[in-house]
Every structure is written in C-alpha cells, then in structure tokens.
Amino acid sequence: MGAEGANHEGVVGQRAQGVLFDDATLRPLPSDMGYRGPIACSAAGITYRQLDYWARTGLVTPSVRDAAGSGSQRLYGFRDILVLRIVKRLIDTGVSLPNIRAAVDHLADRTGEDLASLTIMSDGASIYECRSADEVVDLVRGGQGVFGIAVGSVWREVEGTLAELPGERADGDAVAPTSSTDELAARRARRTAV
C-alpha cells in the first residue's frame, strides 16, 4: 500500500483551505473496553455471519477477548470495530479479499494519530495509502484512485456509534453507554453498581 511516485507539485492552495475536522479530538475507548459480537456488527454495519467468518479466518480478530470455547463471548475493541467498518467498505466497493488482507495487515502497524491521518484509496484492484491531500489528488489525476476512505472520518463515525451502545470490560463488568442523551440510564447503572 503506498502512493509510489506521487507528485506533490502543482497542487496550489490545498494547505490554505484548512482542515474540516481536528483529528486531535479522536480518542479511542480504553483498550480493555469491549463490545460483544452483535454490538460490533451493529457498529460496523456487518452481519454476524461476516463477523464470525472474519474472526475464524483471522481477517479481523477480537483484541479484548477471543472466544474460549462454547458459550464464551468475543469482545471487540474500538480499533477492531474501526477495521471491521473499513473492511466492509472495501468489500462493498469490490476490492479483492487478498488486497483487503494486505490492507488490514498494513493498518495493524499503525497507531492512533498515524492511523487517523490516513486516507485509503482504491481503484477496485489495488489499494493505496495517502497521507496528504496532494497524494490523493495525484492518485485521482493519474487515474488510479476511484474511491477513498478517510480513516479519521470512519473513526468519528465508530466513536459516535459506540457512545450509544453498551460495552463491557475484559473482566466482564458491564459499562453503560456514554451518550449524554442517555444520562438517566447512566445514573441508574451507577446506582445499581454501588
């Protein structure tokens, strides 16, 4: 994945426009916070069948807690759900599974801020990583980029969706949604926990 030979000249005024979103506000949930399969599916926009298949084939595995036999529950972390949503978008646009696996492996090497600053571009056959508006424009001008996924934007979507859904810690303690619209439910959950 890479925008090889990207020409950074010729794009005038891109920096003067400014950014639409401040990626410094992107904060994943704690690494020990997890979401059960059905909630991960809802947040990622996939079916449970897809989730199960991707976990069994190693495409996207749960980082908080894997299944440990019959009746146990997988717990998917924030980053897992972010990657699930990106995989879903890549599949919807016709990217091949081997290329998606390569992209997932590449994303696994990235950390928070680095990950959020990426734009993934594809022509349906190949996947490219872009780190600047110049690289995106160069790919599109070269006829290589057909669609793009701004990881920071997907990050915000997942963050907003998960704020409305109940999670749990790796040790099994339930955590109420953090949405301000459901403050009363959060108060009730705190009272019953005491």
C-alpha atoms as a PDB file:
ATOM      1  CA  MET A   1       0.000   0.000   0.000  1.00  0.00           C
ATOM      2  CA  GLY A   2       1.581   3.256  -0.991  1.00  0.00           C
ATOM      3  CA  ALA A   3       1.309   6.149  -3.349  1.00  0.00           C
ATOM      4  CA  GLU A   4       4.512   5.478  -5.175  1.00  0.00           C
ATOM      5  CA  GLY A   5       5.849   8.325  -7.245  1.00  0.00           C
ATOM      6  CA  ALA A   6       3.240  10.772  -6.050  1.00  0.00           C
ATOM      7  CA  ASN A   7       3.901  14.228  -7.462  1.00  0.00           C
ATOM      8  CA  HIS A   8       3.500  16.869  -4.783  1.00  0.00           C
ATOM      9  CA  GLU A   9       3.921  19.845  -7.128  1.00  0.00           C
ATOM     10  CA  GLY A  10       1.089  21.518  -8.947  1.00  0.00           C
ATOM     11  CA  VAL A  11      -1.492  21.415  -6.175  1.00  0.00           C
ATOM     12  CA  VAL A  12      -1.923  25.040  -5.182  1.00  0.00           C
ATOM     13  CA  GLY A  13      -3.996  26.288  -2.277  1.00  0.00           C
ATOM     14  CA  GLN A  14      -4.633  22.935  -0.623  1.00  0.00           C
ATOM     15  CA  ARG A  15      -2.956  23.927   2.641  1.00  0.00           C
ATOM     16  CA  ALA A  16      -4.604  27.382   2.748  1.00  0.00           C
ATOM     17  CA  GLN A  17      -8.086  25.857   2.871  1.00  0.00           C
ATOM     18  CA  GLY A  18      -7.545  24.335   6.312  1.00  0.00           C
ATOM     19  CA  VAL A  19      -8.926  21.156   7.786  1.00  0.00           C
ATOM     20  CA  LEU A  20     -12.569  20.325   8.298  1.00  0.00           C
ATOM     21  CA  PHE A  21     -12.010  18.224  11.408  1.00  0.00           C
ATOM     22  CA  ASP A  22      -9.386  18.377  14.120  1.00  0.00           C
ATOM     23  CA  ASP A  23      -8.075  14.839  14.417  1.00  0.00           C
ATOM     24  CA  ALA A  24      -6.597  15.703  17.822  1.00  0.00           C
ATOM     25  CA  THR A  25     -10.090  15.117  19.236  1.00  0.00           C
ATOM     26  CA  LEU A  26     -10.128  11.493  18.144  1.00  0.00           C
ATOM     27  CA  ARG A  27      -9.874   9.306  21.196  1.00  0.00           C
ATOM     28  CA  PRO A  28     -10.478   5.575  21.221  1.00  0.00           C
ATOM     29  CA  LEU A  29     -12.101   3.932  24.181  1.00  0.00           C
ATOM     30  CA  PRO A  30      -9.847   2.209  26.711  1.00  0.00           C
ATOM     31  CA  SER A  31      -8.097  -0.892  25.379  1.00  0.00           C
ATOM     32  CA  ASP A  32      -9.845  -3.097  27.950  1.00  0.00           C
ATOM     33  CA  MET A  33     -13.304  -1.886  26.808  1.00  0.00           C
ATOM     34  CA  GLY A  34     -15.016  -4.368  24.515  1.00  0.00           C
ATOM     35  CA  TYR A  35     -18.224  -4.977  22.656  1.00  0.00           C
ATOM     36  CA  ARG A  36     -19.936  -8.308  22.086  1.00  0.00           C
ATOM     37  CA  GLY A  37     -20.429  -9.619  18.573  1.00  0.00           C
ATOM     38  CA  PRO A  38     -23.937  -8.289  17.885  1.00  0.00           C
ATOM     39  CA  ILE A  39     -22.944  -4.797  19.039  1.00  0.00           C
ATOM     40  CA  ALA A  40     -19.730  -4.900  16.986  1.00  0.00           C
ATOM     41  CA  CYS A  41     -21.836  -5.910  13.968  1.00  0.00           C
ATOM     42  CA  SER A  42     -24.226  -3.035  14.512  1.00  0.00           C
ATOM     43  CA  ALA A  43     -21.398  -0.504  14.882  1.00  0.00           C
ATOM     44  CA  ALA A  44     -19.528  -1.825  11.829  1.00  0.00           C
ATOM     45  CA  GLY A  45     -22.591  -2.319   9.629  1.00  0.00           C
ATOM     46  CA  ILE A  46     -21.962  -6.012   9.007  1.00  0.00           C
ATOM     47  CA  THR A  47     -23.801  -9.272   9.648  1.00  0.00           C
ATOM     48  CA  TYR A  48     -22.927 -11.643  12.451  1.00  0.00           C
ATOM     49  CA  ARG A  49     -22.114 -14.251   9.847  1.00  0.00           C
ATOM     50  CA  GLN A  50     -19.456 -11.941   8.343  1.00  0.00           C
ATOM     51  CA  LEU A  51     -18.051 -11.152  11.780  1.00  0.00           C
ATOM     52  CA  ASP A  52     -17.790 -14.822  12.700  1.00  0.00           C
ATOM     53  CA  TYR A  53     -16.200 -15.768   9.373  1.00  0.00           C
ATOM     54  CA  TRP A  54     -13.650 -12.952   9.547  1.00  0.00           C
ATOM     55  CA  ALA A  55     -12.732 -13.945  13.119  1.00  0.00           C
ATOM     56  CA  ARG A  56     -12.369 -17.637  12.224  1.00  0.00           C
ATOM     57  CA  THR A  57     -10.229 -16.862   9.143  1.00  0.00           C
ATOM     58  CA  GLY A  58      -8.086 -14.349  11.030  1.00  0.00           C
ATOM     59  CA  LEU A  59      -9.045 -11.305   8.933  1.00  0.00           C
ATOM     60  CA  VAL A  60     -10.194  -9.297  11.967  1.00  0.00           C
ATOM     61  CA  THR A  61      -9.897 -10.943  15.368  1.00  0.00           C
ATOM     62  CA  PRO A  62     -11.143  -9.527  18.673  1.00  0.00           C
ATOM     63  CA  SER A  63      -8.384  -7.827  20.638  1.00  0.00           C
ATOM     64  CA  VAL A  64     -10.116  -7.562  24.020  1.00  0.00           C
ATOM     65  CA  ARG A  65     -11.196 -11.187  24.440  1.00  0.00           C
ATOM     66  CA  ASP A  66     -11.347 -14.061  21.971  1.00  0.00           C
ATOM     67  CA  ALA A  67     -13.841 -16.897  22.230  1.00  0.00           C
ATOM     68  CA  ALA A  68     -12.613 -19.596  24.585  1.00  0.00           C
ATOM     69  CA  GLY A  69     -14.964 -22.443  23.808  1.00  0.00           C
ATOM     70  CA  SER A  70     -18.672 -22.979  23.549  1.00  0.00           C
ATOM     71  CA  GLY A  71     -20.788 -20.254  25.094  1.00  0.00           C
ATOM     72  CA  SER A  72     -17.970 -17.755  25.542  1.00  0.00           C
ATOM     73  CA  GLN A  73     -18.270 -14.296  24.039  1.00  0.00           C
ATOM     74  CA  ARG A  74     -15.751 -12.488  21.871  1.00  0.00           C
ATOM     75  CA  LEU A  75     -15.147  -8.863  22.795  1.00  0.00           C
ATOM     76  CA  TYR A  76     -14.132  -6.463  20.046  1.00  0.00           C
ATOM     77  CA  GLY A  77     -12.277  -3.270  20.894  1.00  0.00           C
ATOM     78  CA  PHE A  78     -12.691   0.155  19.340  1.00  0.00           C
ATOM     79  CA  ARG A  79      -9.860  -0.384  16.861  1.00  0.00           C
ATOM     80  CA  ASP A  80     -11.274  -3.795  15.850  1.00  0.00           C
ATOM     81  CA  ILE A  81     -14.625  -2.208  15.031  1.00  0.00           C
ATOM     82  CA  LEU A  82     -12.893   0.593  13.126  1.00  0.00           C
ATOM     83  CA  VAL A  83     -11.096  -2.003  10.983  1.00  0.00           C
ATOM     84  CA  LEU A  84     -14.332  -4.010  10.548  1.00  0.00           C
ATOM     85  CA  ARG A  85     -16.058  -0.922   9.159  1.00  0.00           C
ATOM     86  CA  ILE A  86     -13.164  -0.220   6.793  1.00  0.00           C
ATOM     87  CA  VAL A  87     -13.179  -3.860   5.602  1.00  0.00           C
ATOM     88  CA  LYS A  88     -16.926  -3.608   4.963  1.00  0.00           C
ATOM     89  CA  ARG A  89     -16.427  -0.512   2.812  1.00  0.00           C
ATOM     90  CA  LEU A  90     -13.612  -2.143   0.859  1.00  0.00           C
ATOM     91  CA  ILE A  91     -15.750  -5.229   0.200  1.00  0.00           C
ATOM     92  CA  ASP A  92     -18.707  -3.078  -0.863  1.00  0.00           C
ATOM     93  CA  THR A  93     -16.519  -1.406  -3.487  1.00  0.00           C
ATOM     94  CA  GLY A  94     -15.299  -4.689  -4.937  1.00  0.00           C
ATOM     95  CA  VAL A  95     -11.761  -4.899  -3.553  1.00  0.00           C
ATOM     96  CA  SER A  96     -10.441  -8.469  -3.567  1.00  0.00           C
ATOM     97  CA  LEU A  97     -10.014 -10.361  -0.304  1.00  0.00           C
ATOM     98  CA  PRO A  98      -6.218 -10.735  -0.720  1.00  0.00           C
ATOM     99  CA  ASN A  99      -5.900  -6.959  -1.113  1.00  0.00           C
ATOM    100  CA  ILE A 100      -8.162  -6.410   1.899  1.00  0.00           C
ATOM    101  CA  ARG A 101      -5.986  -8.771   3.965  1.00  0.00           C
ATOM    102  CA  ALA A 102      -2.899  -6.793   2.925  1.00  0.00           C
ATOM    103  CA  ALA A 103      -4.632  -3.544   3.897  1.00  0.00           C
ATOM    104  CA  VAL A 104      -5.680  -4.952   7.306  1.00  0.00           C
ATOM    105  CA  ASP A 105      -2.104  -6.098   7.950  1.00  0.00           C
ATOM    106  CA  HIS A 106      -0.865  -2.640   6.991  1.00  0.00           C
ATOM    107  CA  LEU A 107      -3.397  -0.920   9.287  1.00  0.00           C
ATOM    108  CA  ALA A 108      -2.304  -3.161  12.184  1.00  0.00           C
ATOM    109  CA  ASP A 109       1.111  -1.468  12.116  1.00  0.00           C
ATOM    110  CA  ARG A 110      -0.403   1.990  12.618  1.00  0.00           C
ATOM    111  CA  THR A 111      -1.107   3.702  15.918  1.00  0.00           C
ATOM    112  CA  GLY A 112      -3.839   6.191  16.838  1.00  0.00           C
ATOM    113  CA  GLU A 113      -2.853   9.534  15.323  1.00  0.00           C
ATOM    114  CA  ASP A 114      -0.949   7.876  12.495  1.00  0.00           C
ATOM    115  CA  LEU A 115      -3.952   5.712  11.661  1.00  0.00           C
ATOM    116  CA  ALA A 116      -6.466   8.562  11.830  1.00  0.00           C
ATOM    117  CA  SER A 117      -4.452  10.649   9.353  1.00  0.00           C
ATOM    118  CA  LEU A 118      -4.622   8.008   6.591  1.00  0.00           C
ATOM    119  CA  THR A 119      -6.807   8.045   3.525  1.00  0.00           C
ATOM    120  CA  ILE A 120      -7.165   4.679   1.839  1.00  0.00           C
ATOM    121  CA  MET A 121      -7.680   4.951  -1.921  1.00  0.00           C
ATOM    122  CA  SER A 122      -8.511   2.169  -4.320  1.00  0.00           C
ATOM    123  CA  ASP A 123      -9.291   1.608  -7.967  1.00  0.00           C
ATOM    124  CA  GLY A 124     -11.039  -1.650  -7.111  1.00  0.00           C
ATOM    125  CA  ALA A 125      -7.929  -3.711  -7.812  1.00  0.00           C
ATOM    126  CA  SER A 126      -5.161  -2.015  -5.847  1.00  0.00           C
ATOM    127  CA  ILE A 127      -5.155  -0.171  -2.532  1.00  0.00           C
ATOM    128  CA  TYR A 128      -3.081   2.943  -1.902  1.00  0.00           C
ATOM    129  CA  GLU A 129      -2.214   4.779   1.287  1.00  0.00           C
ATOM    130  CA  CYS A 130      -2.344   8.566   1.137  1.00  0.00           C
ATOM    131  CA  ARG A 131      -1.091  10.835   3.890  1.00  0.00           C
ATOM    132  CA  SER A 132      -1.804  14.210   2.325  1.00  0.00           C
ATOM    133  CA  ALA A 133      -4.304  15.956   0.097  1.00  0.00           C
ATOM    134  CA  ASP A 134      -1.546  16.203  -2.517  1.00  0.00           C
ATOM    135  CA  GLU A 135      -1.191  12.426  -2.684  1.00  0.00           C
ATOM    136  CA  VAL A 136      -4.962  11.969  -3.039  1.00  0.00           C
ATOM    137  CA  VAL A 137      -5.102  14.494  -5.884  1.00  0.00           C
ATOM    138  CA  ASP A 138      -2.095  12.888  -7.592  1.00  0.00           C
ATOM    139  CA  LEU A 139      -3.733   9.448  -7.486  1.00  0.00           C
ATOM    140  CA  VAL A 140      -7.008  10.759  -8.875  1.00  0.00           C
ATOM    141  CA  ARG A 141      -5.215  12.714 -11.610  1.00  0.00           C
ATOM    142  CA  GLY A 142      -3.243   9.613 -12.536  1.00  0.00           C
ATOM    143  CA  GLY A 143      -6.478   7.664 -12.906  1.00  0.00           C
ATOM    144  CA  GLN A 144      -5.580   5.305 -10.074  1.00  0.00           C
ATOM    145  CA  GLY A 145      -7.973   6.370  -7.320  1.00  0.00           C
ATOM    146  CA  VAL A 146     -11.654   5.676  -7.790  1.00  0.00           C
ATOM    147  CA  PHE A 147     -12.798   5.931  -4.181  1.00  0.00           C
ATOM    148  CA  GLY A 148     -11.273   6.880  -0.873  1.00  0.00           C
ATOM    149  CA  ILE A 149     -11.831   6.112   2.777  1.00  0.00           C
ATOM    150  CA  ALA A 150     -10.704   8.806   5.206  1.00  0.00           C
ATOM    151  CA  VAL A 151      -9.866   6.749   8.291  1.00  0.00           C
ATOM    152  CA  GLY A 152     -10.309   9.774  10.586  1.00  0.00           C
ATOM    153  CA  SER A 153     -13.882  10.163   9.366  1.00  0.00           C
ATOM    154  CA  VAL A 154     -14.633   6.472   9.919  1.00  0.00           C
ATOM    155  CA  TRP A 155     -13.034   6.833  13.371  1.00  0.00           C
ATOM    156  CA  ARG A 156     -15.521   9.585  14.289  1.00  0.00           C
ATOM    157  CA  GLU A 157     -18.449   7.506  12.977  1.00  0.00           C
ATOM    158  CA  VAL A 158     -17.457   4.480  15.063  1.00  0.00           C
ATOM    159  CA  GLU A 159     -16.818   6.667  18.108  1.00  0.00           C
ATOM    160  CA  GLY A 160     -20.290   8.211  17.789  1.00  0.00           C
ATOM    161  CA  THR A 161     -21.999   4.865  17.271  1.00  0.00           C
ATOM    162  CA  LEU A 162     -20.248   3.179  20.201  1.00  0.00           C
ATOM    163  CA  ALA A 163     -21.158   6.055  22.524  1.00  0.00           C
ATOM    164  CA  GLU A 164     -24.769   4.885  22.165  1.00  0.00           C
ATOM    165  CA  LEU A 165     -24.091   1.184  22.751  1.00  0.00           C
ATOM    166  CA  PRO A 166     -23.322  -0.792  25.915  1.00  0.00           C
ATOM    167  CA  GLY A 167     -19.861  -2.265  26.291  1.00  0.00           C
ATOM    168  CA  GLU A 168     -18.050  -4.301  28.869  1.00  0.00           C
ATOM    169  CA  ARG A 169     -14.608  -4.618  30.292  1.00  0.00           C
ATOM    170  CA  ALA A 170     -12.425  -7.647  29.639  1.00  0.00           C
ATOM    171  CA  ASP A 171     -13.125  -8.827  33.196  1.00  0.00           C
ATOM    172  CA  GLY A 172     -16.857  -8.985  32.407  1.00  0.00           C
ATOM    173  CA  ASP A 173     -18.058  -5.770  34.090  1.00  0.00           C
ATOM    174  CA  ALA A 174     -20.785  -4.091  32.032  1.00  0.00           C
ATOM    175  CA  VAL A 175     -20.345  -0.447  31.076  1.00  0.00           C
ATOM    176  CA  ALA A 176     -23.301   1.775  30.243  1.00  0.00           C
ATOM    177  CA  PRO A 177     -23.290   3.875  27.072  1.00  0.00           C
ATOM    178  CA  THR A 178     -21.512   7.214  27.401  1.00  0.00           C
ATOM    179  CA  SER A 179     -24.087   9.190  25.461  1.00  0.00           C
ATOM    180  CA  SER A 180     -25.192  12.421  27.117  1.00  0.00           C
ATOM    181  CA  THR A 181     -28.689  11.787  25.728  1.00  0.00           C
ATOM    182  CA  ASP A 182     -28.981   8.753  27.987  1.00  0.00           C
ATOM    183  CA  GLU A 183     -27.692  10.349  31.181  1.00  0.00           C
ATOM    184  CA  LEU A 184     -30.564   8.968  33.247  1.00  0.00           C
ATOM    185  CA  ALA A 185     -29.707   5.374  32.253  1.00  0.00           C
ATOM    186  CA  ALA A 186     -26.057   6.003  33.126  1.00  0.00           C
ATOM    187  CA  ARG A 187     -27.073   7.280  36.579  1.00  0.00           C
ATOM    188  CA  ARG A 188     -29.228   4.187  37.138  1.00  0.00           C
ATOM    189  CA  ALA A 189     -26.342   1.922  36.124  1.00  0.00           C
ATOM    190  CA  ARG A 190     -24.011   3.679  38.583  1.00  0.00           C
ATOM    191  CA  ARG A 191     -26.572   3.385  41.387  1.00  0.00           C
ATOM    192  CA  THR A 192     -27.117  -0.339  40.835  1.00  0.00           C
ATOM    193  CA  ALA A 193     -23.357  -0.936  40.686  1.00  0.00           C
ATOM    194  CA  VAL A 194     -22.872   0.501  44.186  1.00  0.00           C
END
